[in-house]
Amino acid sequence: MSEEKQMSFLDHLEELRWRLVRSSISVVLIAGVLFYFQEWIIETVFLSMRDPNFITFRLFCDYFNVCVEEIPVSFQSTTMAGQFTYAMMTSIMGGIVLSFPFIFYQLWAFVKPGLRQNEQSVAKGIVFWVSLLFFLGILFGYYIVAPLTVQFFGAYQISGQIENIFTISSYMSTILSTVFYSGLLFLLPVISYLFAKLGIITPEFLRKYRKHAIVGVLIIAAVITPPDVISQIIVSIPILALYEVGILVVARVDKNRKKQETQ
């Protein structure tokens, strides 16, 4: 009996290993393609954020009358392998982002057989919704948070005698982390759902600390955006909307649980 359990456990490990291998292969293949086009990607996708003609800055200028002047920023690489390292990092991060639906599907396919039938039905379509929210967060981070961050820190000077000459590592790590964490931040409704299913949070808890969340979001938005109210509001609204969606999700889970308890 113990041998059957041990073999079953080893089979699970083998399945997990192969799912991780498939996920790694998808990341490496996409990263290889991105590395081949690294120059175009760096210049068009990342360095373009310092250009006043970047789409975000143009829209802000056209619709909100908040126009951005030339951002006085130049870049340098201070280590021998600096440019190669960030070309590799950018390719790998891009591979992870673009492979995210496949990676999450592999993890979900491994976890799903261990769930009860009702839990599987409740989580129906989770791969689609998690992937959709993640990519919406990536787009929000790339088109809103990252360019505003570059504009603010690039244009900020404590003295006109000091130039902003960023290292490529500082610039790229700021953008990559900002965009990636924005993608994860947009998974807040899913996290709220899981915590509600585990009984960790309730809708009353989220409503009680709604004011604290609003203050926290406004502080974060004030730090990462230029010092104007319009930019702060634009960044804050989607995050606060996600918080409210999380409350609705948790309330629905709590309602269903109470209904099952009364039956």
Protein backbone atom coordinates (compact mmCIF):
# COMPACT_ATOMS: atom_id res chain seq x y z
CA MET A 1 0.00 0.00 0.00
CA SER A 2 2.79 2.42 0.95
CA GLU A 3 4.61 1.51 -2.27
CA GLU A 4 1.51 2.45 -4.33
CA LYS A 5 1.31 5.77 -2.53
CA GLN A 6 5.01 6.36 -3.09
CA MET A 7 4.69 5.58 -6.80
CA SER A 8 1.65 7.84 -7.00
CA PHE A 9 3.66 10.63 -5.39
CA LEU A 10 6.55 10.06 -7.79
CA ASP A 11 4.12 10.10 -10.70
CA HIS A 12 2.89 13.48 -9.55
CA LEU A 13 6.45 14.77 -9.37
CA GLU A 14 7.14 13.45 -12.85
CA GLU A 15 4.04 15.17 -14.20
CA LEU A 16 5.01 18.44 -12.53
CA ARG A 17 8.52 18.15 -13.93
CA TRP A 18 7.28 17.73 -17.48
CA ARG A 19 4.84 20.62 -17.15
CA LEU A 20 7.67 22.82 -15.92
CA VAL A 21 9.84 21.61 -18.81
CA ARG A 22 7.13 22.51 -21.32
CA SER A 23 6.73 25.92 -19.74
CA SER A 24 10.49 26.49 -19.82
CA ILE A 25 10.69 25.48 -23.47
CA SER A 26 7.95 27.96 -24.41
CA VAL A 27 9.78 30.75 -22.55
CA VAL A 28 13.13 29.90 -24.18
CA LEU A 29 11.66 29.73 -27.70
CA ILE A 30 9.91 33.08 -27.40
CA ALA A 31 12.95 34.61 -25.68
CA GLY A 32 15.12 33.45 -28.59
CA VAL A 33 12.88 35.22 -31.09
CA LEU A 34 12.86 38.38 -28.97
CA PHE A 35 16.64 38.30 -28.60
CA TYR A 36 16.99 38.18 -32.39
CA PHE A 37 14.99 41.43 -32.63
CA GLN A 38 16.59 42.93 -29.51
CA GLU A 39 17.74 46.22 -31.09
CA TRP A 40 14.31 47.05 -32.50
CA ILE A 41 12.61 46.05 -29.23
CA ILE A 42 14.94 48.12 -27.03
CA GLU A 43 14.67 51.21 -29.21
CA THR A 44 10.98 50.99 -30.12
CA VAL A 45 9.45 49.47 -27.00
CA PHE A 46 11.60 50.86 -24.19
CA LEU A 47 13.74 53.83 -25.19
CA SER A 48 10.76 55.41 -26.96
CA MET A 49 9.24 56.24 -23.56
CA ARG A 50 11.50 59.30 -23.27
CA ASP A 51 10.09 60.69 -26.53
CA PRO A 52 7.33 63.35 -26.19
CA ASN A 53 5.66 61.67 -29.20
CA PHE A 54 5.15 58.45 -27.27
CA ILE A 55 1.46 57.54 -27.63
CA THR A 56 0.68 58.09 -23.93
CA PHE A 57 2.14 61.58 -23.92
CA ARG A 58 0.34 62.49 -27.15
CA LEU A 59 -3.02 61.39 -25.76
CA PHE A 60 -2.42 63.26 -22.51
CA CYS A 61 -1.59 66.39 -24.49
CA ASP A 62 -4.54 66.07 -26.89
CA TYR A 63 -7.27 65.16 -24.40
CA PHE A 64 -6.08 66.45 -21.01
CA ASN A 65 -3.90 69.37 -22.12
CA VAL A 66 -0.99 67.91 -20.13
CA CYS A 67 1.89 68.07 -22.58
CA VAL A 68 5.36 66.61 -22.06
CA GLU A 69 8.47 68.37 -23.27
CA GLU A 70 11.68 66.65 -24.30
CA ILE A 71 12.87 64.46 -21.43
CA PRO A 72 16.58 65.26 -20.84
CA VAL A 73 17.78 61.70 -20.38
CA SER A 74 20.77 59.84 -21.78
CA PHE A 75 21.95 56.31 -21.08
CA GLN A 76 25.20 54.53 -20.44
CA SER A 77 26.40 51.02 -19.68
CA THR A 78 28.97 50.93 -16.88
CA THR A 79 29.83 47.23 -16.99
CA MET A 80 31.37 45.12 -19.75
CA ALA A 81 28.40 42.76 -19.98
CA GLY A 82 25.77 45.38 -19.12
CA GLN A 83 24.08 45.66 -22.52
CA PHE A 84 24.22 41.91 -23.18
CA THR A 85 22.84 41.16 -19.72
CA TYR A 86 19.81 43.38 -20.18
CA ALA A 87 19.23 42.14 -23.70
CA MET A 88 19.02 38.64 -22.20
CA MET A 89 16.88 39.78 -19.28
CA THR A 90 14.49 41.65 -21.55
CA SER A 91 14.15 38.61 -23.80
CA ILE A 92 13.51 36.25 -20.88
CA MET A 93 11.01 38.59 -19.24
CA GLY A 94 9.26 38.97 -22.58
CA GLY A 95 9.22 35.20 -22.96
CA ILE A 96 7.61 34.82 -19.52
CA VAL A 97 4.99 37.48 -20.22
CA LEU A 98 4.03 36.16 -23.66
CA SER A 99 4.04 32.56 -22.39
CA PHE A 100 1.99 33.39 -19.31
CA PRO A 101 -1.29 31.79 -20.50
CA PHE A 102 0.53 28.57 -21.39
CA ILE A 103 2.50 28.57 -18.12
CA PHE A 104 -0.60 29.17 -16.04
CA TYR A 105 -2.48 26.50 -17.97
CA GLN A 106 0.27 23.97 -17.20
CA LEU A 107 0.12 24.80 -13.48
CA TRP A 108 -3.67 24.73 -13.46
CA ALA A 109 -3.77 21.40 -15.30
CA PHE A 110 -1.51 19.97 -12.59
CA VAL A 111 -3.63 21.30 -9.70
CA LYS A 112 -7.10 20.75 -11.21
CA PRO A 113 -7.33 16.92 -10.78
CA GLY A 114 -6.86 17.36 -7.01
CA LEU A 115 -9.90 19.62 -6.68
CA ARG A 116 -13.45 18.55 -5.95
CA GLN A 117 -16.00 18.62 -8.75
CA ASN A 118 -17.75 21.71 -7.37
CA GLU A 119 -14.41 23.52 -6.98
CA GLN A 120 -13.54 22.74 -10.59
CA SER A 121 -16.88 24.07 -11.78
CA VAL A 122 -16.47 27.26 -9.74
CA ALA A 123 -13.03 27.83 -11.26
CA LYS A 124 -14.24 27.21 -14.81
CA GLY A 125 -12.56 29.57 -17.25
CA ILE A 126 -9.91 30.61 -14.73
CA VAL A 127 -7.09 30.35 -17.30
CA PHE A 128 -8.86 32.80 -19.59
CA TRP A 129 -9.72 35.30 -16.85
CA VAL A 130 -6.31 35.19 -15.19
CA SER A 131 -4.58 35.63 -18.56
CA LEU A 132 -6.92 38.47 -19.55
CA LEU A 133 -6.40 40.35 -16.28
CA PHE A 134 -2.64 39.81 -16.45
CA PHE A 135 -2.36 41.23 -19.98
CA LEU A 136 -4.62 44.16 -19.11
CA GLY A 137 -2.25 44.89 -16.23
CA ILE A 138 0.75 44.63 -18.54
CA LEU A 139 -0.85 47.11 -20.96
CA PHE A 140 -1.75 49.44 -18.10
CA GLY A 141 1.79 49.28 -16.75
CA TYR A 142 3.38 49.84 -20.15
CA TYR A 143 1.15 52.63 -21.45
CA ILE A 144 0.37 54.45 -18.20
CA VAL A 145 2.59 53.71 -15.21
CA ALA A 146 5.98 53.17 -16.90
CA PRO A 147 5.98 56.25 -19.20
CA LEU A 148 4.77 58.51 -16.39
CA THR A 149 7.53 57.14 -14.18
CA VAL A 150 10.14 57.77 -16.89
CA GLN A 151 8.79 61.27 -17.48
CA PHE A 152 8.82 62.21 -13.81
CA PHE A 153 12.23 60.87 -12.84
CA GLY A 154 13.77 61.76 -16.20
CA ALA A 155 12.72 65.39 -15.99
CA TYR A 156 13.29 65.81 -12.25
CA GLN A 157 16.41 67.79 -11.33
CA ILE A 158 17.49 69.17 -7.97
CA SER A 159 19.94 71.40 -9.82
CA GLY A 160 20.40 72.47 -13.42
CA GLN A 161 24.07 71.55 -13.11
CA ILE A 162 23.27 67.88 -12.65
CA GLU A 163 22.47 65.78 -15.71
CA ASN A 164 20.28 62.70 -15.73
CA ILE A 165 22.52 60.02 -17.18
CA PHE A 166 20.89 56.73 -16.27
CA THR A 167 22.61 53.38 -16.43
CA ILE A 168 20.85 50.99 -18.77
CA SER A 169 20.39 48.60 -15.84
CA SER A 170 18.58 51.22 -13.74
CA TYR A 171 16.34 52.29 -16.61
CA MET A 172 15.44 48.80 -17.85
CA SER A 173 14.91 47.30 -14.40
CA THR A 174 12.55 50.15 -13.50
CA ILE A 175 10.41 49.64 -16.60
CA LEU A 176 10.44 45.84 -16.50
CA SER A 177 9.53 45.66 -12.82
CA THR A 178 6.86 48.36 -13.16
CA VAL A 179 5.17 46.67 -16.11
CA PHE A 180 5.41 43.14 -14.68
CA TYR A 181 4.14 44.11 -11.23
CA SER A 182 1.25 45.99 -12.85
CA GLY A 183 0.30 42.71 -14.53
CA LEU A 184 0.37 40.94 -11.18
CA LEU A 185 -1.56 43.77 -9.53
CA PHE A 186 -4.43 43.26 -11.95
CA LEU A 187 -4.81 39.72 -10.59
CA LEU A 188 -6.24 41.25 -7.39
CA PRO A 189 -9.81 40.03 -8.08
CA VAL A 190 -8.54 36.47 -8.56
CA ILE A 191 -6.49 36.64 -5.35
CA SER A 192 -9.53 38.04 -3.52
CA TYR A 193 -11.57 35.13 -4.83
CA LEU A 194 -9.06 32.54 -3.64
CA PHE A 195 -8.69 34.16 -0.20
CA ALA A 196 -12.48 34.30 0.11
CA LYS A 197 -12.76 30.60 -0.75
CA LEU A 198 -10.20 29.88 1.98
CA GLY A 199 -12.13 32.04 4.44
CA ILE A 200 -9.22 34.43 4.96
CA ILE A 201 -11.07 37.61 3.94
CA THR A 202 -14.70 38.70 3.95
CA PRO A 203 -16.53 41.50 2.14
CA GLU A 204 -16.97 43.26 5.48
CA PHE A 205 -13.20 43.29 5.96
CA LEU A 206 -12.59 44.84 2.53
CA ARG A 207 -15.34 47.42 3.01
CA LYS A 208 -14.01 48.32 6.45
CA TYR A 209 -10.56 49.10 5.06
CA ARG A 210 -11.77 50.70 1.81
CA LYS A 211 -10.74 54.20 2.98
CA HIS A 212 -7.29 52.93 3.91
CA ALA A 213 -6.97 51.32 0.47
CA ILE A 214 -7.98 54.57 -1.26
CA VAL A 215 -5.37 56.55 0.67
CA GLY A 216 -2.71 53.92 -0.08
CA VAL A 217 -3.51 53.88 -3.80
CA LEU A 218 -3.43 57.68 -3.99
CA ILE A 219 -0.05 57.75 -2.25
CA ILE A 220 1.38 55.17 -4.66
CA ALA A 221 -0.05 57.05 -7.63
CA ALA A 222 1.42 60.31 -6.36
CA VAL A 223 4.87 58.73 -6.10
CA ILE A 224 4.98 57.16 -9.57
CA THR A 225 3.26 59.91 -11.54
CA PRO A 226 4.18 63.51 -12.40
CA PRO A 227 3.05 66.12 -9.85
CA ASP A 228 -0.36 66.82 -11.37
CA VAL A 229 -3.79 65.65 -10.27
CA ILE A 230 -4.90 64.34 -13.67
CA SER A 231 -2.07 61.79 -13.93
CA GLN A 232 -2.65 60.70 -10.35
CA ILE A 233 -6.36 60.11 -10.98
CA ILE A 234 -5.73 58.22 -14.23
CA VAL A 235 -3.42 55.78 -12.43
CA SER A 236 -5.64 55.49 -9.35
CA ILE A 237 -9.00 54.76 -11.02
CA PRO A 238 -8.20 51.31 -12.48
CA ILE A 239 -6.57 50.14 -9.24
CA LEU A 240 -9.51 51.32 -7.13
CA ALA A 241 -11.89 49.71 -9.63
CA LEU A 242 -10.07 46.41 -9.17
CA TYR A 243 -10.45 46.77 -5.40
CA GLU A 244 -14.21 47.25 -5.81
CA VAL A 245 -14.39 44.25 -8.17
CA GLY A 246 -12.58 42.26 -5.49
CA ILE A 247 -15.26 43.25 -2.97
CA LEU A 248 -18.03 42.06 -5.32
CA VAL A 249 -16.22 38.78 -5.95
CA VAL A 250 -15.69 38.14 -2.24
CA ALA A 251 -19.31 39.08 -1.46
CA ARG A 252 -20.57 36.56 -4.03
CA VAL A 253 -18.34 33.80 -2.63
CA ASP A 254 -19.50 34.61 0.92
CA LYS A 255 -23.16 34.59 -0.18
CA ASN A 256 -22.81 31.18 -1.85
CA ARG A 257 -21.05 29.75 1.20
CA LYS A 258 -23.80 30.93 3.57
CA LYS A 259 -26.43 29.54 1.20
CA GLN A 260 -24.77 26.12 1.23
CA GLU A 261 -24.54 26.17 5.04
CA THR A 262 -28.27 26.77 5.39
CA GLN A 263 -29.20 23.90 3.08
